PDB file of N, CA and C in Angstrom:
ATOM      1  N   MET A   1     129.467 126.024  86.172  1.00  0.00           N
ATOM      2  CA  MET A   1     130.002 124.830  85.570  1.00  0.00           C
ATOM      3  C   MET A   1     130.442 125.161  84.148  1.00  0.00           C
ATOM      4  N   GLU A   2     131.374 124.375  83.645  1.00  0.00           N
ATOM      5  CA  GLU A   2     131.970 124.664  82.349  1.00  0.00           C
ATOM      6  C   GLU A   2     132.045 123.403  81.498  1.00  0.00           C
ATOM      7  N   ALA A   3     131.807 123.574  80.197  1.00  0.00           N
ATOM      8  CA  ALA A   3     131.930 122.467  79.244  1.00  0.00           C
ATOM      9  C   ALA A   3     132.536 123.010  77.951  1.00  0.00           C
ATOM     10  N   HIS A   4     133.202 122.134  77.220  1.00  0.00           N
ATOM     11  CA  HIS A   4     133.766 122.478  75.915  1.00  0.00           C
ATOM     12  C   HIS A   4     132.910 121.811  74.847  1.00  0.00           C
ATOM     13  N   TYR A   5     132.572 122.570  73.790  1.00  0.00           N
ATOM     14  CA  TYR A   5     131.686 122.054  72.748  1.00  0.00           C
ATOM     15  C   TYR A   5     131.992 122.748  71.425  1.00  0.00           C
ATOM     16  N   ASN A   6     132.354 121.987  70.410  1.00  0.00           N
ATOM     17  CA  ASN A   6     132.577 122.506  69.057  1.00  0.00           C
ATOM     18  C   ASN A   6     133.447 123.769  69.019  1.00  0.00           C
ATOM     19  N   GLY A   7     134.567 123.747  69.718  1.00  0.00           N
ATOM     20  CA  GLY A   7     135.471 124.885  69.709  1.00  0.00           C
ATOM     21  C   GLY A   7     135.034 126.049  70.571  1.00  0.00           C
ATOM     22  N   HIS A   8     134.081 125.849  71.439  1.00  0.00           N
ATOM     23  CA  HIS A   8     133.564 126.884  72.328  1.00  0.00           C
ATOM     24  C   HIS A   8     133.683 126.416  73.776  1.00  0.00           C
ATOM     25  N   VAL A   9     133.722 127.373  74.683  1.00  0.00           N
ATOM     26  CA  VAL A   9     133.624 127.082  76.109  1.00  0.00           C
ATOM     27  C   VAL A   9     132.272 127.615  76.564  1.00  0.00           C
ATOM     28  N   ILE A  10     131.496 126.759  77.208  1.00  0.00           N
ATOM     29  CA  ILE A  10     130.168 127.135  77.701  1.00  0.00           C
ATOM     30  C   ILE A  10     130.225 127.140  79.226  1.00  0.00           C
ATOM     31  N   ARG A  11     129.782 128.239  79.832  1.00  0.00           N
ATOM     32  CA  ARG A  11     129.682 128.328  81.289  1.00  0.00           C
ATOM     33  C   ARG A  11     128.225 128.619  81.633  1.00  0.00           C
ATOM     34  N   VAL A  12     127.662 127.798  82.515  1.00  0.00           N
ATOM     35  CA  VAL A  12     126.261 127.945  82.904  1.00  0.00           C
ATOM     36  C   VAL A  12     126.180 128.019  84.423  1.00  0.00           C
ATOM     37  N   SER A  13     125.350 128.926  84.909  1.00  0.00           N
ATOM     38  CA  SER A  13     125.095 129.052  86.348  1.00  0.00           C
ATOM     39  C   SER A  13     123.597 129.070  86.583  1.00  0.00           C
ATOM     40  N   ALA A  14     123.179 128.502  87.703  1.00  0.00           N
ATOM     41  CA  ALA A  14     121.770 128.540  88.090  1.00  0.00           C
ATOM     42  C   ALA A  14     121.539 129.749  88.987  1.00  0.00           C
ATOM     43  N   LEU A  15     120.398 130.390  88.794  1.00  0.00           N
ATOM     44  CA  LEU A  15     120.012 131.545  89.598  1.00  0.00           C
ATOM     45  C   LEU A  15     118.617 131.309  90.156  1.00  0.00           C
ATOM     46  N   ARG A  16     118.446 131.559  91.445  1.00  0.00           N
ATOM     47  CA  ARG A  16     117.108 131.439  92.036  1.00  0.00           C
ATOM     48  C   ARG A  16     116.271 132.632  91.577  1.00  0.00           C
ATOM     49  N   VAL A  17     115.051 132.351  91.161  1.00  0.00           N
ATOM     50  CA  VAL A  17     114.124 133.401  90.745  1.00  0.00           C
ATOM     51  C   VAL A  17     113.571 134.040  92.024  1.00  0.00           C
ATOM     52  N   PRO A  18     113.731 135.366  92.169  1.00  0.00           N
ATOM     53  CA  PRO A  18     113.283 136.025  93.406  1.00  0.00           C
ATOM     54  C   PRO A  18     111.812 135.760  93.715  1.00  0.00           C
ATOM     55  N   HIS A  19     111.539 135.566  94.980  1.00  0.00           N
ATOM     56  CA  HIS A  19     110.180 135.401  95.509  1.00  0.00           C
ATOM     57  C   HIS A  19     109.476 134.143  94.991  1.00  0.00           C
ATOM     58  N   THR A  20     110.252 133.154  94.543  1.00  0.00           N
ATOM     59  CA  THR A  20     109.674 131.882  94.091  1.00  0.00           C
ATOM     60  C   THR A  20     110.554 130.750  94.598  1.00  0.00           C
ATOM     61  N   HIS A  21     110.142 129.551  94.333  1.00  0.00           N
ATOM     62  CA  HIS A  21     110.946 128.366  94.628  1.00  0.00           C
ATOM     63  C   HIS A  21     111.477 127.776  93.327  1.00  0.00           C
ATOM     64  N   GLN A  22     111.693 128.619  92.341  1.00  0.00           N
ATOM     65  CA  GLN A  22     112.140 128.166  91.032  1.00  0.00           C
ATOM     66  C   GLN A  22     113.518 128.713  90.699  1.00  0.00           C
ATOM     67  N   TRP A  23     114.093 128.126  89.657  1.00  0.00           N
ATOM     68  CA  TRP A  23     115.430 128.482  89.191  1.00  0.00           C
ATOM     69  C   TRP A  23     115.401 128.814  87.707  1.00  0.00           C
ATOM     70  N   THR A  24     116.351 129.620  87.281  1.00  0.00           N
ATOM     71  CA  THR A  24     116.602 129.882  85.874  1.00  0.00           C
ATOM     72  C   THR A  24     118.113 129.775  85.672  1.00  0.00           C
ATOM     73  N   PHE A  25     118.589 130.094  84.483  1.00  0.00           N
ATOM     74  CA  PHE A  25     120.030 130.001  84.253  1.00  0.00           C
ATOM     75  C   PHE A  25     120.558 131.227  83.536  1.00  0.00           C
ATOM     76  N   THR A  26     121.842 131.423  83.661  1.00  0.00           N
ATOM     77  CA  THR A  26     122.570 132.401  82.875  1.00  0.00           C
ATOM     78  C   THR A  26     123.701 131.646  82.201  1.00  0.00           C
ATOM     79  N   TRP A  27     124.068 132.061  80.986  1.00  0.00           N
ATOM     80  CA  TRP A  27     125.122 131.341  80.280  1.00  0.00           C
ATOM     81  C   TRP A  27     126.021 132.274  79.499  1.00  0.00           C
ATOM     82  N   VAL A  28     127.265 131.826  79.371  1.00  0.00           N
ATOM     83  CA  VAL A  28     128.287 132.553  78.632  1.00  0.00           C
ATOM     84  C   VAL A  28     128.909 131.578  77.656  1.00  0.00           C
ATOM     85  N   VAL A  29     129.036 131.996  76.405  1.00  0.00           N
ATOM     86  CA  VAL A  29     129.706 131.179  75.397  1.00  0.00           C
ATOM     87  C   VAL A  29     130.895 131.979  74.882  1.00  0.00           C
ATOM     88  N   SER A  30     132.068 131.366  74.922  1.00  0.00           N
ATOM     89  CA  SER A  30     133.248 132.002  74.349  1.00  0.00           C
ATOM     90  C   SER A  30     133.860 131.075  73.317  1.00  0.00           C
ATOM     91  N   LYS A  31     134.305 131.660  72.233  1.00  0.00           N
ATOM     92  CA  LYS A  31     134.923 130.884  71.149  1.00  0.00           C
ATOM     93  C   LYS A  31     136.410 130.809  71.402  1.00  0.00           C
ATOM     94  N   GLN A  32     136.975 129.627  71.196  1.00  0.00           N
ATOM     95  CA  GLN A  32     138.399 129.432  71.377  1.00  0.00           C
ATOM     96  C   GLN A  32     139.122 129.721  70.068  1.00  0.00           C
ATOM     97  N   GLY A  33     140.369 130.131  70.148  1.00  0.00           N
ATOM     98  CA  GLY A  33     141.184 130.316  68.956  1.00  0.00           C
ATOM     99  C   GLY A  33     141.338 131.767  68.558  1.00  0.00           C
ATOM    100  N   ALA A  34     141.807 131.956  67.314  1.00  0.00           N
ATOM    101  CA  ALA A  34     142.145 133.286  66.812  1.00  0.00           C
ATOM    102  C   ALA A  34     140.936 134.210  66.716  1.00  0.00           C
ATOM    103  N   ASP A  35     139.759 133.653  66.426  1.00  0.00           N
ATOM    104  CA  ASP A  35     138.561 134.487  66.297  1.00  0.00           C
ATOM    105  C   ASP A  35     137.740 134.461  67.580  1.00  0.00           C
ATOM    106  N   ALA A  36     138.434 134.464  68.710  1.00  0.00           N
ATOM    107  CA  ALA A  36     137.778 134.369  70.015  1.00  0.00           C
ATOM    108  C   ALA A  36     136.832 135.544  70.242  1.00  0.00           C
ATOM    109  N   GLY A  37     135.744 135.261  70.896  1.00  0.00           N
ATOM    110  CA  GLY A  37     134.760 136.271  71.255  1.00  0.00           C
ATOM    111  C   GLY A  37     133.885 135.717  72.361  1.00  0.00           C
ATOM    112  N   VAL A  38     133.137 136.573  73.006  1.00  0.00           N
ATOM    113  CA  VAL A  38     132.294 136.152  74.130  1.00  0.00           C
ATOM    114  C   VAL A  38     130.884 136.681  73.919  1.00  0.00           C
ATOM    115  N   LYS A  39     129.895 135.845  74.201  1.00  0.00           N
ATOM    116  CA  LYS A  39     128.490 136.242  74.149  1.00  0.00           C
ATOM    117  C   LYS A  39     127.863 135.810  75.476  1.00  0.00           C
ATOM    118  N   THR A  40     127.224 136.711  76.171  1.00  0.00           N
ATOM    119  CA  THR A  40     126.641 136.430  77.475  1.00  0.00           C
ATOM    120  C   THR A  40     125.127 136.584  77.408  1.00  0.00           C
ATOM    121  N   PHE A  41     124.434 135.655  78.036  1.00  0.00           N
ATOM    122  CA  PHE A  41     122.972 135.707  78.088  1.00  0.00           C
ATOM    123  C   PHE A  41     122.531 135.500  79.530  1.00  0.00           C
ATOM    124  N   THR A  42     121.582 136.265  79.960  1.00  0.00           N
ATOM    125  CA  THR A  42     121.081 136.165  81.329  1.00  0.00           C
ATOM    126  C   THR A  42     119.580 135.951  81.304  1.00  0.00           C
ATOM    127  N   ASP A  43     119.130 135.044  82.157  1.00  0.00           N
ATOM    128  CA  ASP A  43     117.700 134.809  82.349  1.00  0.00           C
ATOM    129  C   ASP A  43     116.982 134.572  81.026  1.00  0.00           C
ATOM    130  N   TYR A  44     117.459 133.614  80.282  1.00  0.00           N
ATOM    131  CA  TYR A  44     116.836 133.267  79.021  1.00  0.00           C
ATOM    132  C   TYR A  44     116.585 131.773  79.029  1.00  0.00           C
ATOM    133  N   GLY A  45     115.371 131.332  79.197  1.00  0.00           N
ATOM    134  CA  GLY A  45     115.144 129.910  79.135  1.00  0.00           C
ATOM    135  C   GLY A  45     114.144 129.332  80.099  1.00  0.00           C
ATOM    136  N   GLY A  46     113.325 130.129  80.715  1.00  0.00           N
ATOM    137  CA  GLY A  46     112.259 129.579  81.518  1.00  0.00           C
ATOM    138  C   GLY A  46     112.593 129.402  82.980  1.00  0.00           C
ATOM    139  N   ARG A  47     111.744 128.640  83.656  1.00  0.00           N
ATOM    140  CA  ARG A  47     111.851 128.406  85.103  1.00  0.00           C
ATOM    141  C   ARG A  47     111.881 126.912  85.350  1.00  0.00           C
ATOM    142  N   PHE A  48     112.644 126.516  86.374  1.00  0.00           N
ATOM    143  CA  PHE A  48     112.859 125.101  86.658  1.00  0.00           C
ATOM    144  C   PHE A  48     112.736 124.848  88.153  1.00  0.00           C
ATOM    145  N   ASP A  49     112.394 123.615  88.512  1.00  0.00           N
ATOM    146  CA  ASP A  49     112.189 123.268  89.914  1.00  0.00           C
ATOM    147  C   ASP A  49     113.479 123.122  90.701  1.00  0.00           C
ATOM    148  N   THR A  50     114.576 122.758  90.032  1.00  0.00           N
ATOM    149  CA  THR A  50     115.850 122.581  90.735  1.00  0.00           C
ATOM    150  C   THR A  50     116.972 123.308  89.998  1.00  0.00           C
ATOM    151  N   ALA A  51     118.031 123.597  90.738  1.00  0.00           N
ATOM    152  CA  ALA A  51     119.206 124.227  90.134  1.00  0.00           C
ATOM    153  C   ALA A  51     119.830 123.301  89.099  1.00  0.00           C
ATOM    154  N   ASP A  52     119.874 121.999  89.378  1.00  0.00           N
ATOM    155  CA  ASP A  52     120.440 121.040  88.427  1.00  0.00           C
ATOM    156  C   ASP A  52     119.660 121.027  87.112  1.00  0.00           C
ATOM    157  N   ASP A  53     118.342 121.104  87.197  1.00  0.00           N
ATOM    158  CA  ASP A  53     117.522 121.160  85.981  1.00  0.00           C
ATOM    159  C   ASP A  53     117.826 122.430  85.174  1.00  0.00           C
ATOM    160  N   ALA A  54     117.984 123.542  85.870  1.00  0.00           N
ATOM    161  CA  ALA A  54     118.282 124.800  85.193  1.00  0.00           C
ATOM    162  C   ALA A  54     119.634 124.729  84.493  1.00  0.00           C
ATOM    163  N   ILE A  55     120.634 124.185  85.163  1.00  0.00           N
ATOM    164  CA  ILE A  55     121.966 124.078  84.566  1.00  0.00           C
ATOM    165  C   ILE A  55     121.944 123.154  83.354  1.00  0.00           C
ATOM    166  N   SER A  56     121.280 122.019  83.479  1.00  0.00           N
ATOM    167  CA  SER A  56     121.181 121.075  82.371  1.00  0.00           C
ATOM    168  C   SER A  56     120.525 121.732  81.156  1.00  0.00           C
ATOM    169  N   ARG A  57     119.438 122.450  81.384  1.00  0.00           N
ATOM    170  CA  ARG A  57     118.735 123.126  80.288  1.00  0.00           C
ATOM    171  C   ARG A  57     119.599 124.237  79.699  1.00  0.00           C
ATOM    172  N   GLY A  58     120.379 124.909  80.540  1.00  0.00           N
ATOM    173  CA  GLY A  58     121.279 125.940  80.051  1.00  0.00           C
ATOM    174  C   GLY A  58     122.307 125.390  79.080  1.00  0.00           C
ATOM    175  N   TYR A  59     122.894 124.234  79.416  1.00  0.00           N
ATOM    176  CA  TYR A  59     123.849 123.607  78.500  1.00  0.00           C
ATOM    177  C   TYR A  59     123.166 123.187  77.201  1.00  0.00           C
ATOM    178  N   ASP A  60     121.993 122.582  77.306  1.00  0.00           N
ATOM    179  CA  ASP A  60     121.257 122.180  76.099  1.00  0.00           C
ATOM    180  C   ASP A  60     120.994 123.398  75.210  1.00  0.00           C
ATOM    181  N   PHE A  61     120.559 124.484  75.824  1.00  0.00           N
ATOM    182  CA  PHE A  61     120.225 125.696  75.098  1.00  0.00           C
ATOM    183  C   PHE A  61     121.454 126.273  74.407  1.00  0.00           C
ATOM    184  N   ALA A  62     122.580 126.334  75.116  1.00  0.00           N
ATOM    185  CA  ALA A  62     123.818 126.897  74.546  1.00  0.00           C
ATOM    186  C   ALA A  62     124.335 126.038  73.401  1.00  0.00           C
ATOM    187  N   MET A  63     124.293 124.718  73.550  1.00  0.00           N
ATOM    188  CA  MET A  63     124.770 123.837  72.478  1.00  0.00           C
ATOM    189  C   MET A  63     123.897 123.968  71.237  1.00  0.00           C
ATOM    190  N   LYS A  64     122.589 124.072  71.417  1.00  0.00           N
ATOM    191  CA  LYS A  64     121.688 124.251  70.277  1.00  0.00           C
ATOM    192  C   LYS A  64     121.949 125.593  69.605  1.00  0.00           C
ATOM    193  N   TRP A  65     122.199 126.628  70.398  1.00  0.00           N
ATOM    194  CA  TRP A  65     122.496 127.940  69.859  1.00  0.00           C
ATOM    195  C   TRP A  65     123.751 127.886  68.986  1.00  0.00           C
ATOM    196  N   ILE A  66     124.789 127.188  69.450  1.00  0.00           N
ATOM    197  CA  ILE A  66     126.021 127.025  68.665  1.00  0.00           C
ATOM    198  C   ILE A  66     125.712 126.258  67.379  1.00  0.00           C
ATOM    199  N   ASP A  67     124.987 125.146  67.488  1.00  0.00           N
ATOM    200  CA  ASP A  67     124.652 124.327  66.317  1.00  0.00           C
ATOM    201  C   ASP A  67     123.805 125.077  65.294  1.00  0.00           C
ATOM    202  N   ASP A  68     122.979 126.015  65.768  1.00  0.00           N
ATOM    203  CA  ASP A  68     122.111 126.795  64.880  1.00  0.00           C
ATOM    204  C   ASP A  68     122.833 127.968  64.224  1.00  0.00           C
ATOM    205  N   GLY A  69     124.132 128.081  64.434  1.00  0.00           N
ATOM    206  CA  GLY A  69     124.891 129.151  63.801  1.00  0.00           C
ATOM    207  C   GLY A  69     124.950 130.437  64.608  1.00  0.00           C
ATOM    208  N   LYS A  70     124.634 130.378  65.891  1.00  0.00           N
ATOM    209  CA  LYS A  70     124.703 131.510  66.812  1.00  0.00           C
ATOM    210  C   LYS A  70     123.836 132.687  66.367  1.00  0.00           C
ATOM    211  N   PRO A  71     122.549 132.458  66.171  1.00  0.00           N
ATOM    212  CA  PRO A  71     121.660 133.546  65.747  1.00  0.00           C
ATOM    213  C   PRO A  71     121.500 134.599  66.841  1.00  0.00           C
ATOM    214  N   ASP A  72     121.132 135.807  66.433  1.00  0.00           N
ATOM    215  CA  ASP A  72     120.866 136.881  67.385  1.00  0.00           C
ATOM    216  C   ASP A  72     119.560 136.567  68.105  1.00  0.00           C
ATOM    217  N   LEU A  73     119.642 136.277  69.394  1.00  0.00           N
ATOM    218  CA  LEU A  73     118.456 135.874  70.147  1.00  0.00           C
ATOM    219  C   LEU A  73     117.544 137.054  70.479  1.00  0.00           C
ATOM    220  N   PHE A  74     118.011 138.265  70.269  1.00  0.00           N
ATOM    221  CA  PHE A  74     117.260 139.409  70.707  1.00  0.00           C
ATOM    222  C   PHE A  74     116.647 140.222  69.571  1.00  0.00           C
ATOM    223  N   GLU A  75     116.806 139.792  68.320  1.00  0.00           N
ATOM    224  CA  GLU A  75     116.345 140.615  67.219  1.00  0.00           C
ATOM    225  C   GLU A  75     114.828 140.667  67.077  1.00  0.00           C
ATOM    226  N   GLU A  76     114.091 139.688  67.623  1.00  0.00           N
ATOM    227  CA  GLU A  76     112.631 139.705  67.465  1.00  0.00           C
ATOM    228  C   GLU A  76     111.923 139.870  68.810  1.00  0.00           C
ATOM    229  N   ARG A  77     112.606 140.361  69.827  1.00  0.00           N
ATOM    230  CA  ARG A  77     111.996 140.546  71.136  1.00  0.00           C
ATOM    231  C   ARG A  77     111.221 141.829  71.204  1.00  0.00           C
TER     232      ARG A  77
END
């Protein structure tokens, strides 16, 4: 699924977690315009009971990431 937010395109997909009845999400954020770029994240954001819940949380997570100034999510892992 795709949404437009603050000059960005957000794409979120639900993925079934192997050997469970749970879902997670993967998301891609691309910036529109002259300074276009793409940032992809996979399996970041927990486990959910339904695919719809995972997708909804993925959009929430991506929008917050954009609002927070797009910090490096992997620098303290």
